[in-house]
């Protein structure tokens, strides 16, 4: 089945599950879609996780998932080739880019140390750094990177972007394909992880990589926890091989109370709030409305995904 709707019928029936949402309802009302039960729906907007995902009737032509990362749906074998599937890749990019910059600046400006140690100027002052003149590598230069790059450049940083193809990324001074990843670590000051979790990106940040980064480097992860070998990260941080790490995602989530990362002063951990759940559907709703318009017109939908691929 192609990534466009198979029909151009103007009557779009939509099931919103596991429960209806005010922001999604408003978006559907704006585009004249009708909410209904799953058995009568052409479209399913699924606002839950892989657990509890319903059996789909053949009448469902398109399933919209609320998250950008859909690894759990892929692992559970939920995606099929009977209908169109979309995720939310890029839909939350502004939120996540803002958080990534906040984490990086908090580390460089020693906000975390000031909160932890108070007015310890003699200890904290020498560790303060700036983004001006720094090179920030963004691993996984998609929608988040496109939102983050102008923010970094406004702070005086330059950007080394890494994507799968090596196709030039707007605003980046240099773009490399993922096949040349080994060239990145000695060419940057700091790293922001924005790549999906796949077998190829598992423990992308490991002991070997950490040893190649400069001692003033901060590693920021707003992507997926498994991209980082946290044991290797702990020892690199404890030994001051790098300056610090700022993690909005961990593996597992949440970290255990006795996880040694908590004991380190050069670690910032936020509880997976780069795209806060409390505002998720508010951000998602305009994209749902746009895809409903496209579905009605028989046009390709934004952010389609397919069974048999890694995400």
Protein backbone atom coordinates (compact mmCIF):
# COMPACT_ATOMS: atom_id res chain seq x y z
CA UNK A 1 0.00 0.00 0.00
CA UNK A 2 1.35 3.45 -0.87
CA UNK A 3 1.86 6.27 1.65
CA UNK A 4 -1.21 8.07 0.36
CA UNK A 5 -4.82 7.32 1.13
CA UNK A 6 -6.48 4.74 -1.05
CA UNK A 7 -9.69 6.75 -1.22
CA UNK A 8 -10.58 10.40 -1.56
CA UNK A 9 -13.93 10.11 0.22
CA UNK A 10 -14.46 13.36 2.13
CA UNK A 11 -15.98 11.50 5.10
CA UNK A 12 -13.09 10.67 7.40
CA UNK A 13 -14.01 8.55 10.41
CA UNK A 14 -11.39 8.49 13.15
CA UNK A 15 -10.98 6.46 16.33
CA UNK A 16 -8.84 8.07 19.03
CA UNK A 17 -7.61 5.47 21.49
CA UNK A 18 -7.01 4.36 24.19
CA UNK A 19 -8.95 7.48 25.20
CA UNK A 20 -10.03 10.68 23.52
CA UNK A 21 -8.01 13.87 23.91
CA UNK A 22 -9.15 17.48 23.86
CA UNK A 23 -6.35 18.73 21.58
CA UNK A 24 -6.79 15.93 19.06
CA UNK A 25 -10.58 16.38 19.18
CA UNK A 26 -10.23 20.09 18.40
CA UNK A 27 -7.90 19.34 15.49
CA UNK A 28 -10.30 16.76 14.06
CA UNK A 29 -13.22 19.16 14.40
CA UNK A 30 -11.24 21.83 12.56
CA UNK A 31 -10.79 19.57 9.52
CA UNK A 32 -14.28 18.09 9.61
CA UNK A 33 -13.33 14.57 10.64
CA UNK A 34 -15.78 12.46 12.63
CA UNK A 35 -14.76 10.54 15.75
CA UNK A 36 -16.15 7.06 16.02
CA UNK A 37 -15.48 3.61 17.43
CA UNK A 38 -12.64 1.55 16.03
CA UNK A 39 -14.94 -0.84 14.15
CA UNK A 40 -16.31 2.06 12.09
CA UNK A 41 -13.03 3.98 11.65
CA UNK A 42 -10.87 4.50 8.60
CA UNK A 43 -8.18 6.09 10.76
CA UNK A 44 -6.80 5.15 14.17
CA UNK A 45 -4.93 7.73 16.22
CA UNK A 46 -3.20 5.64 18.86
CA UNK A 47 -2.08 7.63 21.91
CA UNK A 48 -0.78 4.66 23.89
CA UNK A 49 2.25 2.40 23.75
CA UNK A 50 2.72 -1.01 22.19
CA UNK A 51 1.17 -2.71 25.20
CA UNK A 52 -2.58 -2.81 24.76
CA UNK A 53 -2.51 -2.02 21.04
CA UNK A 54 -5.81 -3.30 19.61
CA UNK A 55 -6.49 -5.81 16.87
CA UNK A 56 -7.24 -3.75 13.78
CA UNK A 57 -10.21 -4.31 11.51
CA UNK A 58 -9.44 -4.30 7.79
CA UNK A 59 -11.37 -1.05 7.45
CA UNK A 60 -8.56 0.90 9.16
CA UNK A 61 -6.48 2.43 6.36
CA UNK A 62 -4.09 4.56 8.38
CA UNK A 63 -2.67 4.36 11.92
CA UNK A 64 -1.07 7.46 13.47
CA UNK A 65 1.30 6.78 16.37
CA UNK A 66 2.01 9.57 18.85
CA UNK A 67 5.75 9.04 19.27
CA UNK A 68 8.78 9.60 17.08
CA UNK A 69 10.57 6.56 18.48
CA UNK A 70 8.57 3.45 17.63
CA UNK A 71 11.04 0.74 18.55
CA UNK A 72 8.57 -0.96 20.88
CA UNK A 73 5.96 -1.18 18.11
CA UNK A 74 8.53 -2.63 15.70
CA UNK A 75 9.79 -5.13 18.29
CA UNK A 76 6.23 -6.23 19.03
CA UNK A 77 5.54 -6.83 15.33
CA UNK A 78 2.61 -4.41 15.34
CA UNK A 79 3.37 -2.60 12.08
CA UNK A 80 1.96 -4.38 9.03
CA UNK A 81 1.73 -3.77 5.30
CA UNK A 82 -2.08 -3.69 5.15
CA UNK A 83 -2.35 0.04 5.84
CA UNK A 84 -0.40 3.28 6.12
CA UNK A 85 1.47 3.97 9.36
CA UNK A 86 2.82 7.31 10.56
CA UNK A 87 4.90 8.24 13.55
CA UNK A 88 5.66 11.69 14.97
CA UNK A 89 9.19 12.08 13.63
CA UNK A 90 10.06 15.78 13.63
CA UNK A 91 6.75 16.83 15.15
CA UNK A 92 8.33 17.64 18.50
CA UNK A 93 11.65 18.92 17.17
CA UNK A 94 11.38 22.45 18.56
CA UNK A 95 10.73 21.21 22.09
CA UNK A 96 13.55 18.70 22.00
CA UNK A 97 16.05 21.10 20.42
CA UNK A 98 15.32 23.66 23.12
CA UNK A 99 15.95 21.06 25.82
CA UNK A 100 19.16 19.87 24.17
CA UNK A 101 20.53 23.42 24.14
CA UNK A 102 19.46 23.93 27.76
CA UNK A 103 21.28 20.77 28.85
CA UNK A 104 24.44 21.68 26.98
CA UNK A 105 24.50 25.21 28.35
CA UNK A 106 23.72 24.03 31.87
CA UNK A 107 26.79 21.81 31.71
CA UNK A 108 29.12 24.32 30.10
CA UNK A 109 28.08 27.15 32.42
CA UNK A 110 28.26 24.82 35.45
CA UNK A 111 24.64 25.41 36.45
CA UNK A 112 24.49 21.86 37.78
CA UNK A 113 27.56 22.37 39.94
CA UNK A 114 26.26 25.65 41.30
CA UNK A 115 22.98 24.02 42.31
CA UNK A 116 24.84 21.09 43.88
CA UNK A 117 27.64 22.95 45.68
CA UNK A 118 26.28 26.44 46.22
CA UNK A 119 28.63 29.44 46.34
CA UNK A 120 31.82 27.51 45.74
CA UNK A 121 33.37 30.00 43.33
CA UNK A 122 36.94 28.77 43.63
CA UNK A 123 35.89 25.29 42.57
CA UNK A 124 33.24 26.15 39.99
CA UNK A 125 34.64 29.23 38.23
CA UNK A 126 37.60 27.51 36.48
CA UNK A 127 35.30 24.86 35.00
CA UNK A 128 32.94 27.30 33.23
CA UNK A 129 33.06 27.09 29.43
CA UNK A 130 31.35 28.81 26.50
CA UNK A 131 29.76 27.66 23.26
CA UNK A 132 31.41 30.50 21.36
CA UNK A 133 33.93 29.01 18.96
CA UNK A 134 33.04 25.42 19.86
CA UNK A 135 32.19 22.69 17.36
CA UNK A 136 29.13 20.65 18.27
CA UNK A 137 28.61 17.31 16.54
CA UNK A 138 24.96 16.33 16.09
CA UNK A 139 24.61 12.60 15.53
CA UNK A 140 21.37 11.94 13.67
CA UNK A 141 20.89 15.17 11.77
CA UNK A 142 17.14 15.07 11.11
CA UNK A 143 14.32 17.30 12.31
CA UNK A 144 15.75 17.91 15.78
CA UNK A 145 19.07 18.94 14.25
CA UNK A 146 17.37 21.37 11.89
CA UNK A 147 15.79 23.05 14.90
CA UNK A 148 18.93 22.88 17.04
CA UNK A 149 21.44 24.20 14.50
CA UNK A 150 20.21 27.83 14.44
CA UNK A 151 20.08 27.83 18.24
CA UNK A 152 23.68 26.65 18.45
CA UNK A 153 24.84 29.13 15.84
CA UNK A 154 23.14 31.97 17.73
CA UNK A 155 25.45 31.04 20.63
CA UNK A 156 28.51 31.24 18.39
CA UNK A 157 29.04 27.51 17.85
CA UNK A 158 29.69 25.70 14.59
CA UNK A 159 28.03 22.39 13.74
CA UNK A 160 29.31 19.08 12.43
CA UNK A 161 26.25 17.12 11.30
CA UNK A 162 26.14 13.35 10.85
CA UNK A 163 23.38 11.60 8.95
CA UNK A 164 23.04 8.30 7.14
CA UNK A 165 23.59 9.61 3.63
CA UNK A 166 26.04 12.43 4.20
CA UNK A 167 23.71 14.78 2.34
CA UNK A 168 24.46 18.38 3.27
CA UNK A 169 22.48 19.71 6.23
CA UNK A 170 21.45 23.37 6.09
CA UNK A 171 23.38 25.50 8.55
CA UNK A 172 26.03 22.90 9.35
CA UNK A 173 29.60 23.79 8.50
CA UNK A 174 30.29 20.17 7.68
CA UNK A 175 28.20 17.05 7.11
CA UNK A 176 29.48 13.48 7.28
CA UNK A 177 27.77 10.17 6.50
CA UNK A 178 27.42 7.73 9.38
CA UNK A 179 29.93 5.47 7.62
CA UNK A 180 32.60 8.06 8.52
CA UNK A 181 31.61 8.33 12.18
CA UNK A 182 35.17 7.62 13.33
CA UNK A 183 36.20 11.03 11.99
CA UNK A 184 33.74 12.85 14.22
CA UNK A 185 35.08 12.36 17.73
CA UNK A 186 38.44 14.08 17.33
CA UNK A 187 36.86 16.87 15.26
CA UNK A 188 34.34 18.17 17.77
CA UNK A 189 34.17 19.76 21.20
CA UNK A 190 30.77 18.44 22.24
CA UNK A 191 28.28 15.79 21.07
CA UNK A 192 24.49 15.85 20.87
CA UNK A 193 22.82 12.50 20.21
CA UNK A 194 19.62 12.74 18.15
CA UNK A 195 19.67 9.39 16.35
CA UNK A 196 17.11 6.56 16.54
CA UNK A 197 17.80 3.42 18.53
CA UNK A 198 18.77 0.67 16.08
CA UNK A 199 21.21 -2.23 16.17
CA UNK A 200 23.70 0.05 14.41
CA UNK A 201 23.44 2.82 17.01
CA UNK A 202 23.46 0.58 20.10
CA UNK A 203 26.23 1.82 22.41
CA UNK A 204 27.34 4.29 19.78
CA UNK A 205 28.95 6.16 22.66
CA UNK A 206 31.29 3.60 24.21
CA UNK A 207 34.65 3.48 25.91
CA UNK A 208 36.59 3.73 22.65
CA UNK A 209 34.64 6.79 21.52
CA UNK A 210 34.82 8.50 24.90
CA UNK A 211 38.60 8.11 24.87
CA UNK A 212 38.76 10.04 21.58
CA UNK A 213 36.72 13.02 22.78
CA UNK A 214 38.53 16.05 24.22
CA UNK A 215 38.68 16.35 27.99
CA UNK A 216 36.42 19.43 27.89
CA UNK A 217 33.65 17.60 25.97
CA UNK A 218 30.05 17.32 27.09
CA UNK A 219 27.86 14.53 25.74
CA UNK A 220 24.14 15.31 25.51
CA UNK A 221 21.62 12.54 24.87
CA UNK A 222 18.06 13.56 23.97
CA UNK A 223 17.55 10.53 21.70
CA UNK A 224 17.39 7.04 23.22
CA UNK A 225 19.15 5.57 26.23
CA UNK A 226 20.71 2.53 24.48
CA UNK A 227 22.84 4.83 22.31
CA UNK A 228 25.15 5.21 25.32
CA UNK A 229 27.12 2.53 27.13
CA UNK A 230 26.39 3.92 30.58
CA UNK A 231 29.01 1.84 32.36
CA UNK A 232 31.70 3.18 30.03
CA UNK A 233 30.26 6.67 30.45
CA UNK A 234 30.45 6.39 34.23
CA UNK A 235 34.14 5.49 34.21
CA UNK A 236 34.95 8.23 31.67
CA UNK A 237 33.18 10.80 33.83
CA UNK A 238 34.65 9.53 37.08
CA UNK A 239 38.13 9.64 35.56
CA UNK A 240 37.50 13.09 34.02
CA UNK A 241 38.22 11.78 30.53
CA UNK A 242 35.39 14.09 29.45
CA UNK A 243 33.93 17.10 31.23
CA UNK A 244 30.37 15.90 31.63
CA UNK A 245 27.21 14.30 30.33
CA UNK A 246 23.64 15.57 30.20
CA UNK A 247 21.05 12.84 29.74
CA UNK A 248 17.33 13.20 29.16
CA UNK A 249 17.14 9.49 28.37
CA UNK A 250 18.80 6.53 30.06
CA UNK A 251 18.96 2.76 29.81
CA UNK A 252 16.97 1.62 31.69
CA UNK A 253 14.47 4.36 32.49
CA UNK A 254 14.44 5.47 35.17
CA UNK A 255 17.96 4.69 36.35
CA UNK A 256 18.09 2.60 39.51
CA UNK A 257 18.43 4.57 42.72
CA UNK A 258 21.85 3.03 43.24
CA UNK A 259 23.03 3.75 39.69
CA UNK A 260 26.53 5.20 40.13
CA UNK A 261 25.78 8.01 37.68
CA UNK A 262 23.72 9.69 40.42
CA UNK A 263 26.85 10.03 42.54
CA UNK A 264 28.73 12.13 40.01
CA UNK A 265 28.70 15.91 40.05
CA UNK A 266 29.45 16.17 36.32
CA UNK A 267 26.22 14.47 35.26
CA UNK A 268 22.86 16.12 34.59
CA UNK A 269 19.87 13.77 34.35
CA UNK A 270 16.37 14.96 33.47
CA UNK A 271 13.43 12.50 33.54
CA UNK A 272 12.74 12.21 29.78
CA UNK A 273 11.07 15.61 29.58
CA UNK A 274 12.60 17.07 26.41
CA UNK A 275 9.15 16.57 24.94
CA UNK A 276 6.95 16.55 28.04
CA UNK A 277 4.08 14.07 28.02
CA UNK A 278 1.80 16.69 29.53
CA UNK A 279 1.97 18.76 26.34
CA UNK A 280 2.48 16.03 23.79
CA UNK A 281 -0.95 15.98 22.17
CA UNK A 282 -1.00 19.78 21.97
CA UNK A 283 2.14 19.57 19.80
CA UNK A 284 0.83 16.56 17.87
CA UNK A 285 -2.60 17.98 17.01
CA UNK A 286 -1.61 20.35 14.14
CA UNK A 287 0.27 17.54 12.41
CA UNK A 288 -2.71 15.22 12.76
CA UNK A 289 -4.89 17.90 11.16
CA UNK A 290 -2.43 18.28 8.28
CA UNK A 291 -2.33 14.55 7.66
CA UNK A 292 -6.13 14.32 7.76
CA UNK A 293 -6.22 16.93 4.99
CA UNK A 294 -3.69 14.93 3.00
CA UNK A 295 -5.52 11.67 3.65
CA UNK A 296 -8.77 13.18 2.37
CA UNK A 297 -7.04 14.47 -0.76
CA UNK A 298 -5.26 11.17 -1.42
CA UNK A 299 -1.84 12.80 -0.97
CA UNK A 300 1.23 11.35 0.72
CA UNK A 301 1.13 11.64 4.48
CA UNK A 302 3.82 13.30 6.59
CA UNK A 303 6.19 10.98 8.48
CA UNK A 304 5.23 7.56 7.15
CA UNK A 305 6.92 4.44 8.49
CA UNK A 306 6.88 0.88 7.25
CA UNK A 307 7.07 -2.65 8.55
CA UNK A 308 10.41 -4.36 8.12
CA UNK A 309 12.53 -1.28 8.85
CA UNK A 310 14.55 -0.31 11.92
CA UNK A 311 13.50 2.88 13.72
